[in-house]
PDB file of N, CA and C in Angstrom:
ATOM      1  N   MET A   1       0.933  -1.120  -0.078  1.00  0.00           N
ATOM      2  CA  MET A   1       0.049  -0.007   0.137  1.00  0.00           C
ATOM      3  C   MET A   1       1.007   1.088   0.045  1.00  0.00           C
ATOM      4  N   TYR A   2       0.622   2.084  -0.783  1.00  0.00           N
ATOM      5  CA  TYR A   2       1.112   3.462  -0.881  1.00  0.00           C
ATOM      6  C   TYR A   2       0.233   4.590  -0.479  1.00  0.00           C
ATOM      7  N   SER A   3       0.706   5.488   0.192  1.00  0.00           N
ATOM      8  CA  SER A   3      -0.137   6.573   0.713  1.00  0.00           C
ATOM      9  C   SER A   3       0.716   7.985   0.579  1.00  0.00           C
ATOM     10  N   SER A   4      -0.086   9.023   0.370  1.00  0.00           N
ATOM     11  CA  SER A   4       0.421  10.306   0.478  1.00  0.00           C
ATOM     12  C   SER A   4      -0.649  11.286   0.905  1.00  0.00           C
ATOM     13  N   ASP A   5      -0.326  12.328   1.598  1.00  0.00           N
ATOM     14  CA  ASP A   5      -1.089  13.468   2.084  1.00  0.00           C
ATOM     15  C   ASP A   5      -0.956  14.479   1.136  1.00  0.00           C
ATOM     16  N   SER A   6      -1.976  14.896   0.438  1.00  0.00           N
ATOM     17  CA  SER A   6      -2.161  16.153  -0.460  1.00  0.00           C
ATOM     18  C   SER A   6      -2.165  17.408   0.270  1.00  0.00           C
ATOM     19  N   GLY A   7      -2.800  17.276   1.492  1.00  0.00           N
ATOM     20  CA  GLY A   7      -3.026  18.600   2.189  1.00  0.00           C
ATOM     21  C   GLY A   7      -4.319  19.370   1.737  1.00  0.00           C
ATOM     22  N   GLU A   8      -5.023  18.875   0.902  1.00  0.00           N
ATOM     23  CA  GLU A   8      -6.192  19.498   0.433  1.00  0.00           C
ATOM     24  C   GLU A   8      -7.318  19.101   1.325  1.00  0.00           C
ATOM     25  N   ASP A   9      -8.357  19.902   1.468  1.00  0.00           N
ATOM     26  CA  ASP A   9      -9.501  19.688   2.121  1.00  0.00           C
ATOM     27  C   ASP A   9     -10.590  18.966   1.325  1.00  0.00           C
ATOM     28  N   ARG A  10     -10.425  17.665   1.286  1.00  0.00           N
ATOM     29  CA  ARG A  10     -11.357  16.755   0.672  1.00  0.00           C
ATOM     30  C   ARG A  10     -11.259  15.441   1.306  1.00  0.00           C
ATOM     31  N   ALA A  11     -12.166  14.684   1.066  1.00  0.00           N
ATOM     32  CA  ALA A  11     -12.191  13.206   1.425  1.00  0.00           C
ATOM     33  C   ALA A  11     -11.073  12.520   0.911  1.00  0.00           C
ATOM     34  N   ALA A  12     -10.648  11.566   1.571  1.00  0.00           N
ATOM     35  CA  ALA A  12      -9.497  10.526   1.243  1.00  0.00           C
ATOM     36  C   ALA A  12      -9.989   9.811  -0.025  1.00  0.00           C
ATOM     37  N   ARG A  13      -8.997   9.469  -0.988  1.00  0.00           N
ATOM     38  CA  ARG A  13      -9.297   8.864  -2.189  1.00  0.00           C
ATOM     39  C   ARG A  13      -8.467   7.455  -2.176  1.00  0.00           C
ATOM     40  N   PHE A  14      -9.144   6.480  -2.661  1.00  0.00           N
ATOM     41  CA  PHE A  14      -8.558   5.140  -2.834  1.00  0.00           C
ATOM     42  C   PHE A  14      -8.446   4.690  -4.291  1.00  0.00           C
ATOM     43  N   GLY A  15      -7.264   4.035  -4.427  1.00  0.00           N
ATOM     44  CA  GLY A  15      -7.012   3.541  -5.878  1.00  0.00           C
ATOM     45  C   GLY A  15      -6.579   2.150  -5.745  1.00  0.00           C
ATOM     46  N   PHE A  16      -6.878   1.339  -6.709  1.00  0.00           N
ATOM     47  CA  PHE A  16      -6.568  -0.231  -6.493  1.00  0.00           C
ATOM     48  C   PHE A  16      -5.889  -0.549  -7.936  1.00  0.00           C
ATOM     49  N   ILE A  17      -4.698  -1.307  -7.645  1.00  0.00           N
ATOM     50  CA  ILE A  17      -3.975  -1.902  -8.801  1.00  0.00           C
ATOM     51  C   ILE A  17      -4.206  -3.516  -8.609  1.00  0.00           C
ATOM     52  N   VAL A  18      -5.061  -4.061  -9.581  1.00  0.00           N
ATOM     53  CA  VAL A  18      -5.096  -5.464  -9.319  1.00  0.00           C
ATOM     54  C   VAL A  18      -4.689  -5.920 -10.903  1.00  0.00           C
ATOM     55  N   SER A  19      -3.432  -6.622 -11.013  1.00  0.00           N
ATOM     56  CA  SER A  19      -2.991  -6.879 -12.294  1.00  0.00           C
ATOM     57  C   SER A  19      -3.706  -8.218 -12.811  1.00  0.00           C
ATOM     58  N   ARG A  20      -3.248  -8.602 -13.846  1.00  0.00           N
ATOM     59  CA  ARG A  20      -3.724  -9.897 -14.681  1.00  0.00           C
ATOM     60  C   ARG A  20      -3.134 -11.228 -13.888  1.00  0.00           C
ATOM     61  N   GLN A  21      -2.076 -10.924 -13.187  1.00  0.00           N
ATOM     62  CA  GLN A  21      -1.392 -12.098 -12.430  1.00  0.00           C
ATOM     63  C   GLN A  21      -2.487 -12.566 -11.253  1.00  0.00           C
ATOM     64  N   VAL A  22      -3.336 -11.693 -10.898  1.00  0.00           N
ATOM     65  CA  VAL A  22      -4.294 -12.102  -9.873  1.00  0.00           C
ATOM     66  C   VAL A  22      -5.179 -13.136 -10.370  1.00  0.00           C
ATOM     67  N   GLY A  23      -5.652 -13.078 -11.526  1.00  0.00           N
ATOM     68  CA  GLY A  23      -6.520 -13.862 -12.012  1.00  0.00           C
ATOM     69  C   GLY A  23      -7.337 -13.301 -13.166  1.00  0.00           C
ATOM     70  N   PRO A  24      -8.325 -14.120 -13.772  1.00  0.00           N
ATOM     71  CA  PRO A  24      -9.211 -13.678 -14.762  1.00  0.00           C
ATOM     72  C   PRO A  24      -9.852 -12.410 -14.261  1.00  0.00           C
ATOM     73  N   ALA A  25     -10.681 -11.809 -15.318  1.00  0.00           N
ATOM     74  CA  ALA A  25     -11.392 -10.481 -14.812  1.00  0.00           C
ATOM     75  C   ALA A  25     -12.460 -10.650 -13.829  1.00  0.00           C
ATOM     76  N   VAL A  26     -13.159 -11.725 -13.729  1.00  0.00           N
ATOM     77  CA  VAL A  26     -14.154 -12.092 -12.716  1.00  0.00           C
ATOM     78  C   VAL A  26     -13.589 -12.007 -11.341  1.00  0.00           C
ATOM     79  N   VAL A  27     -12.423 -12.672 -11.241  1.00  0.00           N
ATOM     80  CA  VAL A  27     -11.710 -12.614  -9.830  1.00  0.00           C
ATOM     81  C   VAL A  27     -10.995 -11.411  -9.581  1.00  0.00           C
ATOM     82  N   ARG A  28     -10.306 -10.742 -10.472  1.00  0.00           N
ATOM     83  CA  ARG A  28      -9.903  -9.277 -10.310  1.00  0.00           C
ATOM     84  C   ARG A  28     -11.041  -8.343  -9.869  1.00  0.00           C
ATOM     85  N   ASN A  29     -12.172  -8.424 -10.439  1.00  0.00           N
ATOM     86  CA  ASN A  29     -13.293  -7.432 -10.109  1.00  0.00           C
ATOM     87  C   ASN A  29     -13.759  -7.853  -8.755  1.00  0.00           C
ATOM     88  N   THR A  30     -13.932  -9.109  -8.473  1.00  0.00           N
ATOM     89  CA  THR A  30     -14.337  -9.601  -7.211  1.00  0.00           C
ATOM     90  C   THR A  30     -13.303  -9.043  -6.011  1.00  0.00           C
ATOM     91  N   VAL A  31     -12.144  -9.161  -6.203  1.00  0.00           N
ATOM     92  CA  VAL A  31     -11.150  -8.498  -5.323  1.00  0.00           C
ATOM     93  C   VAL A  31     -11.288  -6.908  -5.197  1.00  0.00           C
ATOM     94  N   ARG A  32     -11.527  -6.389  -6.301  1.00  0.00           N
ATOM     95  CA  ARG A  32     -11.633  -4.914  -6.341  1.00  0.00           C
ATOM     96  C   ARG A  32     -12.897  -4.615  -5.525  1.00  0.00           C
ATOM     97  N   ARG A  33     -14.034  -5.127  -5.767  1.00  0.00           N
ATOM     98  CA  ARG A  33     -15.138  -4.941  -4.920  1.00  0.00           C
ATOM     99  C   ARG A  33     -15.058  -5.110  -3.413  1.00  0.00           C
ATOM    100  N   ARG A  34     -14.385  -6.271  -3.111  1.00  0.00           N
ATOM    101  CA  ARG A  34     -14.140  -6.538  -1.683  1.00  0.00           C
ATOM    102  C   ARG A  34     -13.473  -5.457  -0.958  1.00  0.00           C
ATOM    103  N   LEU A  35     -12.261  -4.864  -1.676  1.00  0.00           N
ATOM    104  CA  LEU A  35     -11.458  -3.787  -1.202  1.00  0.00           C
ATOM    105  C   LEU A  35     -12.192  -2.404  -1.163  1.00  0.00           C
ATOM    106  N   LYS A  36     -13.030  -2.238  -2.193  1.00  0.00           N
ATOM    107  CA  LYS A  36     -13.927  -1.059  -1.977  1.00  0.00           C
ATOM    108  C   LYS A  36     -14.776  -1.048  -0.876  1.00  0.00           C
ATOM    109  N   ALA A  37     -15.301  -2.031  -0.567  1.00  0.00           N
ATOM    110  CA  ALA A  37     -16.325  -2.325   0.801  1.00  0.00           C
ATOM    111  C   ALA A  37     -15.446  -2.173   1.915  1.00  0.00           C
ATOM    112  N   VAL A  38     -14.157  -2.743   1.998  1.00  0.00           N
ATOM    113  CA  VAL A  38     -13.274  -2.532   3.182  1.00  0.00           C
ATOM    114  C   VAL A  38     -12.944  -1.031   3.237  1.00  0.00           C
ATOM    115  N   CYS A  39     -12.510  -0.590   2.256  1.00  0.00           N
ATOM    116  CA  CYS A  39     -12.015   1.045   2.338  1.00  0.00           C
ATOM    117  C   CYS A  39     -13.240   1.817   2.722  1.00  0.00           C
ATOM    118  N   ALA A  40     -14.453   1.535   2.221  1.00  0.00           N
ATOM    119  CA  ALA A  40     -15.570   2.309   2.744  1.00  0.00           C
ATOM    120  C   ALA A  40     -15.802   2.308   4.064  1.00  0.00           C
ATOM    121  N   GLU A  41     -15.734   1.077   4.731  1.00  0.00           N
ATOM    122  CA  GLU A  41     -15.756   1.057   6.224  1.00  0.00           C
ATOM    123  C   GLU A  41     -14.665   1.930   6.957  1.00  0.00           C
ATOM    124  N   ALA A  42     -13.409   1.800   6.383  1.00  0.00           N
ATOM    125  CA  ALA A  42     -12.235   2.435   6.951  1.00  0.00           C
ATOM    126  C   ALA A  42     -12.200   3.946   6.726  1.00  0.00           C
ATOM    127  N   LEU A  43     -13.131   4.528   5.800  1.00  0.00           N
ATOM    128  CA  LEU A  43     -12.891   5.811   5.210  1.00  0.00           C
ATOM    129  C   LEU A  43     -12.912   6.858   6.640  1.00  0.00           C
ATOM    130  N   PRO A  44     -13.868   6.729   7.493  1.00  0.00           N
ATOM    131  CA  PRO A  44     -13.894   7.739   8.615  1.00  0.00           C
ATOM    132  C   PRO A  44     -12.544   7.834   9.446  1.00  0.00           C
ATOM    133  N   THR A  45     -11.766   6.711   9.369  1.00  0.00           N
ATOM    134  CA  THR A  45     -10.436   6.637  10.143  1.00  0.00           C
ATOM    135  C   THR A  45      -9.364   7.169   9.462  1.00  0.00           C
ATOM    136  N   VAL A  46      -9.532   7.499   8.203  1.00  0.00           N
ATOM    137  CA  VAL A  46      -8.490   7.928   7.243  1.00  0.00           C
ATOM    138  C   VAL A  46      -8.322   9.503   7.302  1.00  0.00           C
ATOM    139  N   ARG A  47      -7.178  10.093   7.313  1.00  0.00           N
ATOM    140  CA  ARG A  47      -6.958  11.500   7.406  1.00  0.00           C
ATOM    141  C   ARG A  47      -7.381  12.178   6.015  1.00  0.00           C
ATOM    142  N   ALA A  48      -8.143  13.263   6.121  1.00  0.00           N
ATOM    143  CA  ALA A  48      -8.723  13.924   5.117  1.00  0.00           C
ATOM    144  C   ALA A  48      -7.651  14.444   4.058  1.00  0.00           C
ATOM    145  N   GLY A  49      -7.817  14.159   2.840  1.00  0.00           N
ATOM    146  CA  GLY A  49      -6.846  14.787   1.812  1.00  0.00           C
ATOM    147  C   GLY A  49      -5.795  13.587   1.429  1.00  0.00           C
ATOM    148  N   SER A  50      -6.059  12.432   2.102  1.00  0.00           N
ATOM    149  CA  SER A  50      -5.047  11.404   1.849  1.00  0.00           C
ATOM    150  C   SER A  50      -5.310  10.783   0.283  1.00  0.00           C
ATOM    151  N   ASP A  51      -4.267  10.274  -0.153  1.00  0.00           N
ATOM    152  CA  ASP A  51      -4.405   9.473  -1.456  1.00  0.00           C
ATOM    153  C   ASP A  51      -3.769   8.134  -1.214  1.00  0.00           C
ATOM    154  N   ILE A  52      -4.559   6.943  -1.365  1.00  0.00           N
ATOM    155  CA  ILE A  52      -4.148   5.726  -0.809  1.00  0.00           C
ATOM    156  C   ILE A  52      -4.190   4.817  -2.133  1.00  0.00           C
ATOM    157  N   VAL A  53      -3.180   4.056  -2.512  1.00  0.00           N
ATOM    158  CA  VAL A  53      -3.156   2.982  -3.497  1.00  0.00           C
ATOM    159  C   VAL A  53      -2.825   1.692  -2.990  1.00  0.00           C
ATOM    160  N   ILE A  54      -3.798   0.884  -3.162  1.00  0.00           N
ATOM    161  CA  ILE A  54      -3.630  -0.558  -2.726  1.00  0.00           C
ATOM    162  C   ILE A  54      -3.185  -1.386  -3.870  1.00  0.00           C
ATOM    163  N   ARG A  55      -2.155  -2.203  -3.728  1.00  0.00           N
ATOM    164  CA  ARG A  55      -1.603  -2.941  -4.895  1.00  0.00           C
ATOM    165  C   ARG A  55      -1.919  -4.518  -4.377  1.00  0.00           C
ATOM    166  N   VAL A  56      -2.578  -5.356  -5.278  1.00  0.00           N
ATOM    167  CA  VAL A  56      -3.088  -6.651  -4.780  1.00  0.00           C
ATOM    168  C   VAL A  56      -1.932  -7.572  -5.421  1.00  0.00           C
ATOM    169  N   LEU A  57      -1.476  -8.453  -4.628  1.00  0.00           N
ATOM    170  CA  LEU A  57      -0.479  -9.426  -5.218  1.00  0.00           C
ATOM    171  C   LEU A  57      -1.327 -10.600  -5.507  1.00  0.00           C
ATOM    172  N   PRO A  58      -0.603 -11.544  -6.308  1.00  0.00           N
ATOM    173  CA  PRO A  58      -1.403 -12.755  -6.871  1.00  0.00           C
ATOM    174  C   PRO A  58      -2.079 -13.605  -5.742  1.00  0.00           C
ATOM    175  N   ASN A  59      -1.574 -13.675  -4.681  1.00  0.00           N
ATOM    176  CA  ASN A  59      -2.142 -14.591  -3.691  1.00  0.00           C
ATOM    177  C   ASN A  59      -3.447 -13.709  -3.060  1.00  0.00           C
ATOM    178  N   GLY A  60      -3.652 -12.608  -3.340  1.00  0.00           N
ATOM    179  CA  GLY A  60      -4.878 -11.911  -2.834  1.00  0.00           C
ATOM    180  C   GLY A  60      -6.134 -12.402  -3.354  1.00  0.00           C
ATOM    181  N   ALA A  61      -6.128 -13.178  -4.354  1.00  0.00           N
ATOM    182  CA  ALA A  61      -7.458 -13.773  -4.936  1.00  0.00           C
ATOM    183  C   ALA A  61      -7.990 -14.562  -4.101  1.00  0.00           C
ATOM    184  N   GLU A  62      -7.120 -15.368  -3.257  1.00  0.00           N
ATOM    185  CA  GLU A  62      -7.690 -16.483  -2.385  1.00  0.00           C
ATOM    186  C   GLU A  62      -7.993 -15.934  -0.967  1.00  0.00           C
ATOM    187  N   ALA A  63      -7.542 -14.718  -0.734  1.00  0.00           N
ATOM    188  CA  ALA A  63      -7.881 -14.072   0.650  1.00  0.00           C
ATOM    189  C   ALA A  63      -9.429 -13.928   0.937  1.00  0.00           C
ATOM    190  N   ALA A  64      -9.656 -14.200   2.240  1.00  0.00           N
ATOM    191  CA  ALA A  64     -11.128 -14.118   2.570  1.00  0.00           C
ATOM    192  C   ALA A  64     -11.372 -12.626   2.981  1.00  0.00           C
ATOM    193  N   PHE A  65     -12.708 -12.198   2.961  1.00  0.00           N
ATOM    194  CA  PHE A  65     -12.983 -10.809   3.149  1.00  0.00           C
ATOM    195  C   PHE A  65     -12.480 -10.402   4.478  1.00  0.00           C
ATOM    196  N   ALA A  66     -12.418 -11.170   5.451  1.00  0.00           N
ATOM    197  CA  ALA A  66     -11.841 -10.779   6.862  1.00  0.00           C
ATOM    198  C   ALA A  66     -10.409 -10.577   6.807  1.00  0.00           C
ATOM    199  N   ASP A  67      -9.601 -11.512   6.003  1.00  0.00           N
ATOM    200  CA  ASP A  67      -8.299 -11.218   5.889  1.00  0.00           C
ATOM    201  C   ASP A  67      -7.999  -9.942   5.219  1.00  0.00           C
ATOM    202  N   LEU A  68      -8.741  -9.690   4.260  1.00  0.00           N
ATOM    203  CA  LEU A  68      -8.573  -8.392   3.409  1.00  0.00           C
ATOM    204  C   LEU A  68      -8.768  -7.011   4.369  1.00  0.00           C
ATOM    205  N   ARG A  69      -9.850  -7.259   5.009  1.00  0.00           N
ATOM    206  CA  ARG A  69     -10.158  -6.289   6.108  1.00  0.00           C
ATOM    207  C   ARG A  69      -8.951  -6.102   7.243  1.00  0.00           C
ATOM    208  N   ALA A  70      -8.449  -7.140   7.647  1.00  0.00           N
ATOM    209  CA  ALA A  70      -7.438  -7.018   8.655  1.00  0.00           C
ATOM    210  C   ALA A  70      -6.019  -6.494   8.123  1.00  0.00           C
ATOM    211  N   GLU A  71      -5.883  -6.860   6.892  1.00  0.00           N
ATOM    212  CA  GLU A  71      -4.658  -6.296   6.171  1.00  0.00           C
ATOM    213  C   GLU A  71      -4.643  -4.856   5.962  1.00  0.00           C
ATOM    214  N   VAL A  72      -5.723  -4.384   5.321  1.00  0.00           N
ATOM    215  CA  VAL A  72      -6.040  -2.926   4.953  1.00  0.00           C
ATOM    216  C   VAL A  72      -5.944  -2.106   6.253  1.00  0.00           C
ATOM    217  N   THR A  73      -6.669  -2.776   7.365  1.00  0.00           N
ATOM    218  CA  THR A  73      -6.805  -1.966   8.573  1.00  0.00           C
ATOM    219  C   THR A  73      -5.278  -1.746   9.229  1.00  0.00           C
ATOM    220  N   ARG A  74      -4.650  -2.864   9.092  1.00  0.00           N
ATOM    221  CA  ARG A  74      -3.180  -2.916   9.616  1.00  0.00           C
ATOM    222  C   ARG A  74      -2.236  -1.848   8.875  1.00  0.00           C
ATOM    223  N   CYS A  75      -2.465  -1.879   7.602  1.00  0.00           N
ATOM    224  CA  CYS A  75      -1.709  -0.906   6.647  1.00  0.00           C
ATOM    225  C   CYS A  75      -1.960   0.496   6.905  1.00  0.00           C
ATOM    226  N   LEU A  76      -3.356   0.660   6.983  1.00  0.00           N
ATOM    227  CA  LEU A  76      -3.851   2.164   7.268  1.00  0.00           C
ATOM    228  C   LEU A  76      -3.304   2.700   8.646  1.00  0.00           C
ATOM    229  N   ALA A  77      -3.264   1.837   9.625  1.00  0.00           N
ATOM    230  CA  ALA A  77      -2.808   2.092  11.019  1.00  0.00           C
ATOM    231  C   ALA A  77      -1.346   2.380  10.957  1.00  0.00           C
ATOM    232  N   ARG A  78      -0.599   1.640  10.283  1.00  0.00           N
ATOM    233  CA  ARG A  78       0.859   1.852   9.963  1.00  0.00           C
ATOM    234  C   ARG A  78       1.197   3.144   9.147  1.00  0.00           C
ATOM    235  N   SER A  79       0.301   3.582   8.136  1.00  0.00           N
ATOM    236  CA  SER A  79       0.683   4.695   7.379  1.00  0.00           C
ATOM    237  C   SER A  79       0.183   5.963   8.109  1.00  0.00           C
ATOM    238  N   ALA A  80      -0.755   5.880   9.153  1.00  0.00           N
ATOM    239  CA  ALA A  80      -1.203   7.022   9.833  1.00  0.00           C
ATOM    240  C   ALA A  80      -0.189   7.472  10.876  1.00  0.00           C
ATOM    241  N   THR A  81       0.856   6.688  11.292  1.00  0.00           N
ATOM    242  CA  THR A  81       1.921   7.168  12.138  1.00  0.00           C
ATOM    243  C   THR A  81       2.966   7.883  11.455  1.00  0.00           C
TER     244      THR A  81
END
């Protein structure tokens, strides 16, 4: 995960990089939708004006929703410090 603080007065933005190595389009879109749901839950805890990019590795296709949530939460907490 990559993050930067733009200093602008706006809501945080999330971007996702899900390459073809993750799987076919159906799998990539499923992973992307799961990440969007996790990020929507975490949005209130993210600093305003932040730009966050999440890159999914190939083994992310097999990750359960709870595992994705835990990993994103851990990374967001680490980037907040």
